[in-house]
C-alpha cells in the first residue's frame, strides 16, 4: 500500500479536514497493507465516523486517475516519507503533503530563509547582496516566498550567483503569483525547487500566503528579515521562526523609515541584528 498516494487521494477528494488527514497519516504508520489499514479503521471513534469515506477512497478508480495526472506534473511527498524534511515535520501544523517541482534534495540541505517588504527599497538590495553571496559561497540554500520585493530579489540574486534557492508558494504549482514572476518561477523549477502544500490547480487567495509562511520558517535553520512594516507578513514569518527555535536575524534600519519599524522592533524583542561584521555567523 502506497501511503503517500493514499493521503494524496484524500486531499484530492476534498472531503477531509487537516486534523483528519493528520490522524490518518498517523494511522498509516502502524500498517503495511490495505488489509491492516482496514482493520485499524475501527480503533477510534473519530476514525469510525469517517470510515466509509476512507474505504470509498481506497478503491476509487476516479481518484487513481487524478493521482496519475498529479504525478505526471510534479512530485509528491508526505510526512511519512524519508524525503520529508525533519525540521519541517517538527513545526506546529506541518503540511501532510508537499508538492514539488525541481531538486527535492534541497529540502535536506542547510537552508536560510530571507523575507521582507514587498515594496522594498534599494537599502534591502544593498544589504542582502553580500549576505546572499556569503550563503552561496557556504553552499547554503536560500528560501523565500516568490513575492515582489525582497522575496524576488533573494531568488534572483541566488540564481545569478549560481546558488540554490527554494520558493514556497501560497498556491498550487500550476499558478504563479505575481504573474510577473513567471520567468523566475520557471528558472527556480529548473535550477532550484518549488514547494507547495496545495494541490497543483489551487489558485492564489489572500489567506493562503500567511499559511505558507510557517513552511518558510519551518524549512530553515536561519531566517533573515529585511525591511518590514509593523504587522507585516514578514514579521509573522519571523515570529513563527522564533516559536520554532530558529535563528532569527533582522537587518536594522533608520528609525525614520517605516520599512524598518518592523525589523527594528524584532531586534528590540531579541532578534540578532545582522551586520556586515557578523555575516559569518550564517553557517
C-alpha atoms as a PDB file:
ATOM      1  CA  UNK A   1       0.000   0.000   0.000  1.00  0.00           C
ATOM      2  CA  UNK A   2       1.473   3.342  -1.038  1.00  0.00           C
ATOM      3  CA  UNK A   3       0.663   5.508   1.970  1.00  0.00           C
ATOM      4  CA  UNK A   4       1.628   8.829   0.398  1.00  0.00           C
ATOM      5  CA  UNK A   5      -0.604   8.203  -2.595  1.00  0.00           C
ATOM      6  CA  UNK A   6      -3.473   7.324  -0.293  1.00  0.00           C
ATOM      7  CA  UNK A   7      -3.025  10.646   1.518  1.00  0.00           C
ATOM      8  CA  UNK A   8      -2.964  12.322  -1.891  1.00  0.00           C
ATOM      9  CA  UNK A   9      -6.265  10.654  -2.763  1.00  0.00           C
ATOM     10  CA  UNK A  10      -7.705  12.010   0.494  1.00  0.00           C
ATOM     11  CA  UNK A  11      -6.633  15.528  -0.431  1.00  0.00           C
ATOM     12  CA  UNK A  12      -7.954  15.164  -3.974  1.00  0.00           C
ATOM     13  CA  UNK A  13     -11.342  14.086  -2.622  1.00  0.00           C
ATOM     14  CA  UNK A  14     -11.581  17.389  -0.675  1.00  0.00           C
ATOM     15  CA  UNK A  15     -13.742  15.691   1.967  1.00  0.00           C
ATOM     16  CA  UNK A  16     -11.408  15.776   4.945  1.00  0.00           C
ATOM     17  CA  UNK A  17     -10.123  18.347   7.412  1.00  0.00           C
ATOM     18  CA  UNK A  18      -6.451  18.898   8.150  1.00  0.00           C
ATOM     19  CA  UNK A  19      -6.906  17.185  11.517  1.00  0.00           C
ATOM     20  CA  UNK A  20      -8.442  14.116   9.833  1.00  0.00           C
ATOM     21  CA  UNK A  21      -5.620  13.969   7.274  1.00  0.00           C
ATOM     22  CA  UNK A  22      -3.078  14.094  10.092  1.00  0.00           C
ATOM     23  CA  UNK A  23      -4.961  11.420  12.038  1.00  0.00           C
ATOM     24  CA  UNK A  24      -4.995   9.068   9.052  1.00  0.00           C
ATOM     25  CA  UNK A  25      -1.299   9.747   8.401  1.00  0.00           C
ATOM     26  CA  UNK A  26      -0.595   8.665  11.970  1.00  0.00           C
ATOM     27  CA  UNK A  27      -2.732   5.557  11.489  1.00  0.00           C
ATOM     28  CA  UNK A  28      -0.887   4.640   8.293  1.00  0.00           C
ATOM     29  CA  UNK A  29       2.418   4.451  10.175  1.00  0.00           C
ATOM     30  CA  UNK A  30       1.023   1.425  12.000  1.00  0.00           C
ATOM     31  CA  UNK A  31       0.135  -0.701   8.980  1.00  0.00           C
ATOM     32  CA  UNK A  32       1.864  -2.229   5.982  1.00  0.00           C
ATOM     33  CA  UNK A  33      -1.051  -3.311   3.801  1.00  0.00           C
ATOM     34  CA  UNK A  34      -4.610  -2.425   2.796  1.00  0.00           C
ATOM     35  CA  UNK A  35      -5.888  -5.286   4.929  1.00  0.00           C
ATOM     36  CA  UNK A  36      -4.144  -3.989   8.055  1.00  0.00           C
ATOM     37  CA  UNK A  37      -5.348  -0.463   7.308  1.00  0.00           C
ATOM     38  CA  UNK A  38      -8.980  -1.591   7.033  1.00  0.00           C
ATOM     39  CA  UNK A  39      -8.654  -3.499  10.301  1.00  0.00           C
ATOM     40  CA  UNK A  40      -7.320  -0.418  12.072  1.00  0.00           C
ATOM     41  CA  UNK A  41     -10.211   1.792  10.976  1.00  0.00           C
ATOM     42  CA  UNK A  42     -12.245   0.695  13.987  1.00  0.00           C
ATOM     43  CA  UNK A  43      -9.647   1.661  16.547  1.00  0.00           C
ATOM     44  CA  UNK A  44     -11.001   5.119  17.414  1.00  0.00           C
ATOM     45  CA  UNK A  45     -14.384   6.814  17.365  1.00  0.00           C
ATOM     46  CA  UNK A  46     -13.089   9.681  15.217  1.00  0.00           C
ATOM     47  CA  UNK A  47     -11.830   7.255  12.576  1.00  0.00           C
ATOM     48  CA  UNK A  48     -15.067   5.266  12.664  1.00  0.00           C
ATOM     49  CA  UNK A  49     -17.020   8.435  11.843  1.00  0.00           C
ATOM     50  CA  UNK A  50     -15.169   8.772   8.534  1.00  0.00           C
ATOM     51  CA  UNK A  51     -14.594   5.056   7.908  1.00  0.00           C
ATOM     52  CA  UNK A  52     -16.959   4.749   4.942  1.00  0.00           C
ATOM     53  CA  UNK A  53     -15.410   7.744   3.190  1.00  0.00           C
ATOM     54  CA  UNK A  54     -11.932   6.311   3.758  1.00  0.00           C
ATOM     55  CA  UNK A  55     -12.922   2.945   2.326  1.00  0.00           C
ATOM     56  CA  UNK A  56     -14.520   4.563  -0.705  1.00  0.00           C
ATOM     57  CA  UNK A  57     -11.292   6.460  -1.392  1.00  0.00           C
ATOM     58  CA  UNK A  58      -9.226   3.311  -1.005  1.00  0.00           C
ATOM     59  CA  UNK A  59     -10.927   1.689  -4.003  1.00  0.00           C
ATOM     60  CA  UNK A  60     -11.752   4.787  -6.114  1.00  0.00           C
ATOM     61  CA  UNK A  61     -10.596   4.413  -9.741  1.00  0.00           C
ATOM     62  CA  UNK A  62     -11.537   8.041 -10.449  1.00  0.00           C
ATOM     63  CA  UNK A  63      -9.145   9.242  -7.763  1.00  0.00           C
ATOM     64  CA  UNK A  64      -6.491   6.841  -9.079  1.00  0.00           C
ATOM     65  CA  UNK A  65      -6.698   8.666 -12.408  1.00  0.00           C
ATOM     66  CA  UNK A  66      -6.400  12.060 -10.697  1.00  0.00           C
ATOM     67  CA  UNK A  67      -3.359  10.830  -8.786  1.00  0.00           C
ATOM     68  CA  UNK A  68      -1.725   9.827 -12.084  1.00  0.00           C
ATOM     69  CA  UNK A  69      -2.344  13.295 -13.504  1.00  0.00           C
ATOM     70  CA  UNK A  70      -0.778  14.988 -10.479  1.00  0.00           C
ATOM     71  CA  UNK A  71       2.293  12.733 -10.559  1.00  0.00           C
ATOM     72  CA  UNK A  72       2.826  13.491 -14.259  1.00  0.00           C
ATOM     73  CA  UNK A  73       3.119  17.145 -13.345  1.00  0.00           C
ATOM     74  CA  UNK A  74       5.070  17.142 -10.074  1.00  0.00           C
ATOM     75  CA  UNK A  75       6.496  15.043  -7.245  1.00  0.00           C
ATOM     76  CA  UNK A  76       4.569  14.462  -4.025  1.00  0.00           C
ATOM     77  CA  UNK A  77       5.992  13.558  -0.627  1.00  0.00           C
ATOM     78  CA  UNK A  78       4.234  13.120   2.691  1.00  0.00           C
ATOM     79  CA  UNK A  79       5.058  13.271   6.380  1.00  0.00           C
ATOM     80  CA  UNK A  80       5.632   9.522   6.146  1.00  0.00           C
ATOM     81  CA  UNK A  81       8.434   9.753   3.561  1.00  0.00           C
ATOM     82  CA  UNK A  82      12.176   9.821   4.244  1.00  0.00           C
ATOM     83  CA  UNK A  83      12.457  12.757   1.825  1.00  0.00           C
ATOM     84  CA  UNK A  84      10.244  14.911   4.062  1.00  0.00           C
ATOM     85  CA  UNK A  85      12.478  17.455   5.872  1.00  0.00           C
ATOM     86  CA  UNK A  86      12.848  16.642   9.574  1.00  0.00           C
ATOM     87  CA  UNK A  87      12.822  20.261  10.704  1.00  0.00           C
ATOM     88  CA  UNK A  88       9.508  20.920   8.937  1.00  0.00           C
ATOM     89  CA  UNK A  89       7.923  17.820  10.468  1.00  0.00           C
ATOM     90  CA  UNK A  90       8.558  19.361  13.919  1.00  0.00           C
ATOM     91  CA  UNK A  91       6.576  22.585  13.377  1.00  0.00           C
ATOM     92  CA  UNK A  92       3.049  23.287  14.513  1.00  0.00           C
ATOM     93  CA  UNK A  93       0.616  22.016  11.834  1.00  0.00           C
ATOM     94  CA  UNK A  94       3.196  20.524   9.461  1.00  0.00           C
ATOM     95  CA  UNK A  95       1.892  20.024   5.915  1.00  0.00           C
ATOM     96  CA  UNK A  96       0.743  16.440   5.443  1.00  0.00           C
ATOM     97  CA  UNK A  97       1.739  16.607   1.773  1.00  0.00           C
ATOM     98  CA  UNK A  98       4.275  18.651  -0.156  1.00  0.00           C
ATOM     99  CA  UNK A  99       4.043  19.150  -3.928  1.00  0.00           C
ATOM    100  CA  UNK A 100       7.454  19.692  -5.522  1.00  0.00           C
ATOM    101  CA  UNK A 101       8.995  20.769  -8.824  1.00  0.00           C
ATOM    102  CA  UNK A 102      12.753  20.778  -9.082  1.00  0.00           C
ATOM    103  CA  UNK A 103      15.508  19.309  -6.925  1.00  0.00           C
ATOM    104  CA  UNK A 104      13.836  17.809  -3.841  1.00  0.00           C
ATOM    105  CA  UNK A 105      17.238  17.064  -2.306  1.00  0.00           C
ATOM    106  CA  UNK A 106      17.474  20.763  -1.444  1.00  0.00           C
ATOM    107  CA  UNK A 107      14.994  20.082   1.365  1.00  0.00           C
ATOM    108  CA  UNK A 108      17.793  18.249   3.198  1.00  0.00           C
ATOM    109  CA  UNK A 109      20.416  20.981   2.803  1.00  0.00           C
ATOM    110  CA  UNK A 110      21.321  23.846   5.146  1.00  0.00           C
ATOM    111  CA  UNK A 111      18.643  26.467   4.471  1.00  0.00           C
ATOM    112  CA  UNK A 112      18.465  30.172   5.272  1.00  0.00           C
ATOM    113  CA  UNK A 113      15.147  31.894   4.622  1.00  0.00           C
ATOM    114  CA  UNK A 114      15.069  35.545   3.587  1.00  0.00           C
ATOM    115  CA  UNK A 115      11.877  37.588   3.781  1.00  0.00           C
ATOM    116  CA  UNK A 116      10.953  41.251   3.762  1.00  0.00           C
ATOM    117  CA  UNK A 117       8.855  44.042   2.339  1.00  0.00           C
ATOM    118  CA  UNK A 118       7.091  43.635  -0.991  1.00  0.00           C
ATOM    119  CA  UNK A 119       7.788  47.279  -1.783  1.00  0.00           C
ATOM    120  CA  UNK A 120      11.341  47.261  -0.516  1.00  0.00           C
ATOM    121  CA  UNK A 121      13.928  49.953  -1.171  1.00  0.00           C
ATOM    122  CA  UNK A 122      17.435  49.844  -2.590  1.00  0.00           C
ATOM    123  CA  UNK A 123      18.606  49.536   1.016  1.00  0.00           C
ATOM    124  CA  UNK A 124      17.458  45.884   1.138  1.00  0.00           C
ATOM    125  CA  UNK A 125      19.331  45.013  -2.035  1.00  0.00           C
ATOM    126  CA  UNK A 126      22.490  46.769  -0.819  1.00  0.00           C
ATOM    127  CA  UNK A 127      22.380  44.858   2.467  1.00  0.00           C
ATOM    128  CA  UNK A 128      21.343  41.482   1.099  1.00  0.00           C
ATOM    129  CA  UNK A 129      23.799  41.331  -1.814  1.00  0.00           C
ATOM    130  CA  UNK A 130      26.841  40.418   0.349  1.00  0.00           C
ATOM    131  CA  UNK A 131      24.658  38.241   2.601  1.00  0.00           C
ATOM    132  CA  UNK A 132      23.421  36.106  -0.291  1.00  0.00           C
ATOM    133  CA  UNK A 133      26.931  35.930  -1.754  1.00  0.00           C
ATOM    134  CA  UNK A 134      28.143  34.542   1.586  1.00  0.00           C
ATOM    135  CA  UNK A 135      25.321  31.978   1.721  1.00  0.00           C
ATOM    136  CA  UNK A 136      26.045  30.771  -1.803  1.00  0.00           C
ATOM    137  CA  UNK A 137      29.772  30.549  -1.019  1.00  0.00           C
ATOM    138  CA  UNK A 138      28.912  28.437   2.049  1.00  0.00           C
ATOM    139  CA  UNK A 139      26.751  26.127  -0.124  1.00  0.00           C
ATOM    140  CA  UNK A 140      23.631  27.138   1.772  1.00  0.00           C
ATOM    141  CA  UNK A 141      20.231  27.083   0.095  1.00  0.00           C
ATOM    142  CA  UNK A 142      18.159  30.267   0.252  1.00  0.00           C
ATOM    143  CA  UNK A 143      14.415  30.126   0.728  1.00  0.00           C
ATOM    144  CA  UNK A 144      11.661  32.689   0.247  1.00  0.00           C
ATOM    145  CA  UNK A 145       8.084  33.103  -0.963  1.00  0.00           C
ATOM    146  CA  UNK A 146       8.392  34.360  -4.590  1.00  0.00           C
ATOM    147  CA  UNK A 147       6.594  37.602  -3.692  1.00  0.00           C
ATOM    148  CA  UNK A 148       7.553  41.031  -5.003  1.00  0.00           C
ATOM    149  CA  UNK A 149      10.383  42.909  -3.354  1.00  0.00           C
ATOM    150  CA  UNK A 150      12.764  41.095  -1.012  1.00  0.00           C
ATOM    151  CA  UNK A 151      11.487  37.600  -1.894  1.00  0.00           C
ATOM    152  CA  UNK A 152      12.062  38.039  -5.608  1.00  0.00           C
ATOM    153  CA  UNK A 153      15.468  39.628  -5.043  1.00  0.00           C
ATOM    154  CA  UNK A 154      16.520  36.708  -2.842  1.00  0.00           C
ATOM    155  CA  UNK A 155      15.667  34.168  -5.557  1.00  0.00           C
ATOM    156  CA  UNK A 156      17.113  36.185  -8.458  1.00  0.00           C
ATOM    157  CA  UNK A 157      20.357  37.031  -6.708  1.00  0.00           C
ATOM    158  CA  UNK A 158      20.904  33.442  -5.599  1.00  0.00           C
ATOM    159  CA  UNK A 159      20.384  32.139  -9.138  1.00  0.00           C
ATOM    160  CA  UNK A 160      22.606  34.854 -10.587  1.00  0.00           C
ATOM    161  CA  UNK A 161      25.412  33.616  -8.322  1.00  0.00           C
ATOM    162  CA  UNK A 162      24.699  30.023  -9.400  1.00  0.00           C
ATOM    163  CA  UNK A 163      23.386  29.120  -5.964  1.00  0.00           C
ATOM    164  CA  UNK A 164      20.360  27.058  -4.979  1.00  0.00           C
ATOM    165  CA  UNK A 165      17.038  28.533  -3.903  1.00  0.00           C
ATOM    166  CA  UNK A 166      13.637  27.256  -2.745  1.00  0.00           C
ATOM    167  CA  UNK A 167      10.395  29.122  -3.430  1.00  0.00           C
ATOM    168  CA  UNK A 168       7.466  28.280  -1.151  1.00  0.00           C
ATOM    169  CA  UNK A 169       4.203  29.141  -2.899  1.00  0.00           C
ATOM    170  CA  UNK A 170       0.900  30.308  -1.488  1.00  0.00           C
ATOM    171  CA  UNK A 171      -0.961  28.461  -4.252  1.00  0.00           C
ATOM    172  CA  UNK A 172      -0.700  25.346  -6.409  1.00  0.00           C
ATOM    173  CA  UNK A 173       2.234  24.705  -8.720  1.00  0.00           C
ATOM    174  CA  UNK A 174       0.198  25.359 -11.887  1.00  0.00           C
ATOM    175  CA  UNK A 175      -0.205  29.012 -10.882  1.00  0.00           C
ATOM    176  CA  UNK A 176       2.166  31.922 -10.416  1.00  0.00           C
ATOM    177  CA  UNK A 177       1.661  34.952  -8.218  1.00  0.00           C
ATOM    178  CA  UNK A 178       2.610  37.602  -9.027  1.00  0.00           C
ATOM    179  CA  UNK A 179       2.251  36.934 -12.762  1.00  0.00           C
ATOM    180  CA  UNK A 180       5.347  38.983 -13.478  1.00  0.00           C
ATOM    181  CA  UNK A 181       7.410  36.297 -11.721  1.00  0.00           C
ATOM    182  CA  UNK A 182       6.543  33.516 -14.161  1.00  0.00           C
ATOM    183  CA  UNK A 183      10.038  33.569 -15.783  1.00  0.00           C
ATOM    184  CA  UNK A 184      11.581  33.476 -12.296  1.00  0.00           C
ATOM    185  CA  UNK A 185       9.314  30.594 -11.274  1.00  0.00           C
ATOM    186  CA  UNK A 186      10.397  28.646 -14.359  1.00  0.00           C
ATOM    187  CA  UNK A 187      14.076  29.214 -13.576  1.00  0.00           C
ATOM    188  CA  UNK A 188      13.622  28.046  -9.986  1.00  0.00           C
ATOM    189  CA  UNK A 189      11.831  24.886 -11.141  1.00  0.00           C
ATOM    190  CA  UNK A 190      14.864  24.098 -13.326  1.00  0.00           C
ATOM    191  CA  UNK A 191      17.719  25.157 -11.025  1.00  0.00           C
ATOM    192  CA  UNK A 192      16.151  25.118  -7.564  1.00  0.00           C
ATOM    193  CA  UNK A 193      12.931  23.881  -6.027  1.00  0.00           C
ATOM    194  CA  UNK A 194       9.277  24.947  -5.954  1.00  0.00           C
ATOM    195  CA  UNK A 195       7.302  23.846  -2.893  1.00  0.00           C
ATOM    196  CA  UNK A 196       3.572  23.999  -2.173  1.00  0.00           C
ATOM    197  CA  UNK A 197       1.235  22.266   0.256  1.00  0.00           C
ATOM    198  CA  UNK A 198      -1.697  22.814  -2.120  1.00  0.00           C
ATOM    199  CA  UNK A 199      -2.959  20.704  -4.992  1.00  0.00           C
ATOM    200  CA  UNK A 200      -1.459  21.930  -8.296  1.00  0.00           C
ATOM    201  CA  UNK A 201      -4.657  23.611  -9.541  1.00  0.00           C
ATOM    202  CA  UNK A 202      -5.231  25.589  -6.306  1.00  0.00           C
ATOM    203  CA  UNK A 203      -5.413  29.323  -7.166  1.00  0.00           C
ATOM    204  CA  UNK A 204      -3.777  32.067  -5.094  1.00  0.00           C
ATOM    205  CA  UNK A 205      -6.033  33.562  -2.425  1.00  0.00           C
ATOM    206  CA  UNK A 206      -5.271  36.003   0.348  1.00  0.00           C
ATOM    207  CA  UNK A 207      -5.404  33.584   3.299  1.00  0.00           C
ATOM    208  CA  UNK A 208      -3.013  31.046   1.758  1.00  0.00           C
ATOM    209  CA  UNK A 209       0.022  33.332   1.888  1.00  0.00           C
ATOM    210  CA  UNK A 210       0.079  33.598   5.711  1.00  0.00           C
ATOM    211  CA  UNK A 211      -0.399  29.802   5.798  1.00  0.00           C
ATOM    212  CA  UNK A 212       2.678  29.172   3.662  1.00  0.00           C
ATOM    213  CA  UNK A 213       4.787  31.362   5.991  1.00  0.00           C
ATOM    214  CA  UNK A 214       5.054  28.524   8.521  1.00  0.00           C
ATOM    215  CA  UNK A 215       6.742  26.426   5.809  1.00  0.00           C
ATOM    216  CA  UNK A 216       9.273  29.164   5.039  1.00  0.00           C
ATOM    217  CA  UNK A 217      10.006  29.367   8.774  1.00  0.00           C
ATOM    218  CA  UNK A 218       9.944  25.603   9.269  1.00  0.00           C
ATOM    219  CA  UNK A 219      12.350  24.666   6.484  1.00  0.00           C
ATOM    220  CA  UNK A 220      15.229  26.837   7.645  1.00  0.00           C
ATOM    221  CA  UNK A 221      17.868  26.939  10.329  1.00  0.00           C
ATOM    222  CA  UNK A 222      18.270  30.730   9.969  1.00  0.00           C
ATOM    223  CA  UNK A 223      15.826  33.402   8.874  1.00  0.00           C
ATOM    224  CA  UNK A 224      16.682  36.955   7.839  1.00  0.00           C
ATOM    225  CA  UNK A 225      14.160  39.793   7.759  1.00  0.00           C
ATOM    226  CA  UNK A 226      14.962  42.865   5.664  1.00  0.00           C
ATOM    227  CA  UNK A 227      12.677  45.894   5.702  1.00  0.00           C
ATOM    228  CA  UNK A 228       9.309  45.046   7.215  1.00  0.00           C
ATOM    229  CA  UNK A 229       6.484  47.303   8.271  1.00  0.00           C
ATOM    230  CA  UNK A 230       4.717  46.767  11.554  1.00  0.00           C
ATOM    231  CA  UNK A 231       2.194  43.882  11.394  1.00  0.00           C
ATOM    232  CA  UNK A 232       3.597  42.670   8.072  1.00  0.00           C
ATOM    233  CA  UNK A 233       3.630  39.096   6.763  1.00  0.00           C
ATOM    234  CA  UNK A 234       7.400  39.040   7.189  1.00  0.00           C
ATOM    235  CA  UNK A 235       7.027  39.616  10.919  1.00  0.00           C
ATOM    236  CA  UNK A 236       4.514  36.765  11.089  1.00  0.00           C
ATOM    237  CA  UNK A 237       7.115  34.521   9.473  1.00  0.00           C
ATOM    238  CA  UNK A 238       9.825  35.737  11.858  1.00  0.00           C
ATOM    239  CA  UNK A 239       7.631  35.150  14.899  1.00  0.00           C
ATOM    240  CA  UNK A 240       6.819  31.648  13.679  1.00  0.00           C
ATOM    241  CA  UNK A 241      10.561  31.036  13.305  1.00  0.00           C
ATOM    242  CA  UNK A 242      11.154  32.253  16.863  1.00  0.00           C
ATOM    243  CA  UNK A 243       8.483  29.850  18.132  1.00  0.00           C
ATOM    244  CA  UNK A 244      10.257  27.004  16.337  1.00  0.00           C
ATOM    245  CA  UNK A 245      13.655  27.957  17.840  1.00  0.00           C
ATOM    246  CA  UNK A 246      15.208  29.085  14.567  1.00  0.00           C
ATOM    247  CA  UNK A 247      17.972  31.694  14.462  1.00  0.00           C
ATOM    248  CA  UNK A 248      16.241  34.983  13.649  1.00  0.00           C
ATOM    249  CA  UNK A 249      18.248  37.862  12.174  1.00  0.00           C
ATOM    250  CA  UNK A 250      16.910  41.299  11.330  1.00  0.00           C
ATOM    251  CA  UNK A 251      18.599  43.993   9.264  1.00  0.00           C
ATOM    252  CA  UNK A 252      18.419  47.230  11.282  1.00  0.00           C
ATOM    253  CA  UNK A 253      17.385  50.405   9.521  1.00  0.00           C
ATOM    254  CA  UNK A 254      16.841  54.134  10.055  1.00  0.00           C
ATOM    255  CA  UNK A 255      14.383  54.892  12.841  1.00  0.00           C
ATOM    256  CA  UNK A 256      12.749  57.386  10.466  1.00  0.00           C
ATOM    257  CA  UNK A 257      11.880  54.674   7.922  1.00  0.00           C
ATOM    258  CA  UNK A 258       8.501  52.934   8.142  1.00  0.00           C
ATOM    259  CA  UNK A 259      10.027  49.998   6.282  1.00  0.00           C
ATOM    260  CA  UNK A 260      12.443  49.491   9.176  1.00  0.00           C
ATOM    261  CA  UNK A 261       9.940  49.733  12.025  1.00  0.00           C
ATOM    262  CA  UNK A 262       9.240  46.005  11.953  1.00  0.00           C
ATOM    263  CA  UNK A 263      12.876  44.900  11.787  1.00  0.00           C
ATOM    264  CA  UNK A 264      13.967  47.354  14.486  1.00  0.00           C
ATOM    265  CA  UNK A 265      11.193  46.071  16.755  1.00  0.00           C
ATOM    266  CA  UNK A 266      12.284  42.498  16.072  1.00  0.00           C
ATOM    267  CA  UNK A 267      15.764  43.420  17.278  1.00  0.00           C
ATOM    268  CA  UNK A 268      14.265  45.086  20.345  1.00  0.00           C
ATOM    269  CA  UNK A 269      12.392  41.819  21.010  1.00  0.00           C
ATOM    270  CA  UNK A 270      15.543  39.704  20.853  1.00  0.00           C
ATOM    271  CA  UNK A 271      16.339  39.030  17.185  1.00  0.00           C
ATOM    272  CA  UNK A 272      20.022  39.289  16.274  1.00  0.00           C
ATOM    273  CA  UNK A 273      20.875  42.424  14.272  1.00  0.00           C
ATOM    274  CA  UNK A 274      22.518  41.324  11.011  1.00  0.00           C
ATOM    275  CA  UNK A 275      25.557  43.497  10.312  1.00  0.00           C
ATOM    276  CA  UNK A 276      28.375  43.169   7.806  1.00  0.00           C
ATOM    277  CA  UNK A 277      30.601  42.219  10.744  1.00  0.00           C
ATOM    278  CA  UNK A 278      28.575  39.127  11.738  1.00  0.00           C
ATOM    279  CA  UNK A 279      27.536  37.691   8.358  1.00  0.00           C
ATOM    280  CA  UNK A 280      29.934  34.848   9.122  1.00  0.00           C
ATOM    281  CA  UNK A 281      27.502  33.572  11.758  1.00  0.00           C
ATOM    282  CA  UNK A 282      25.251  32.378   8.940  1.00  0.00           C
ATOM    283  CA  UNK A 283      26.737  28.920   8.574  1.00  0.00           C
END
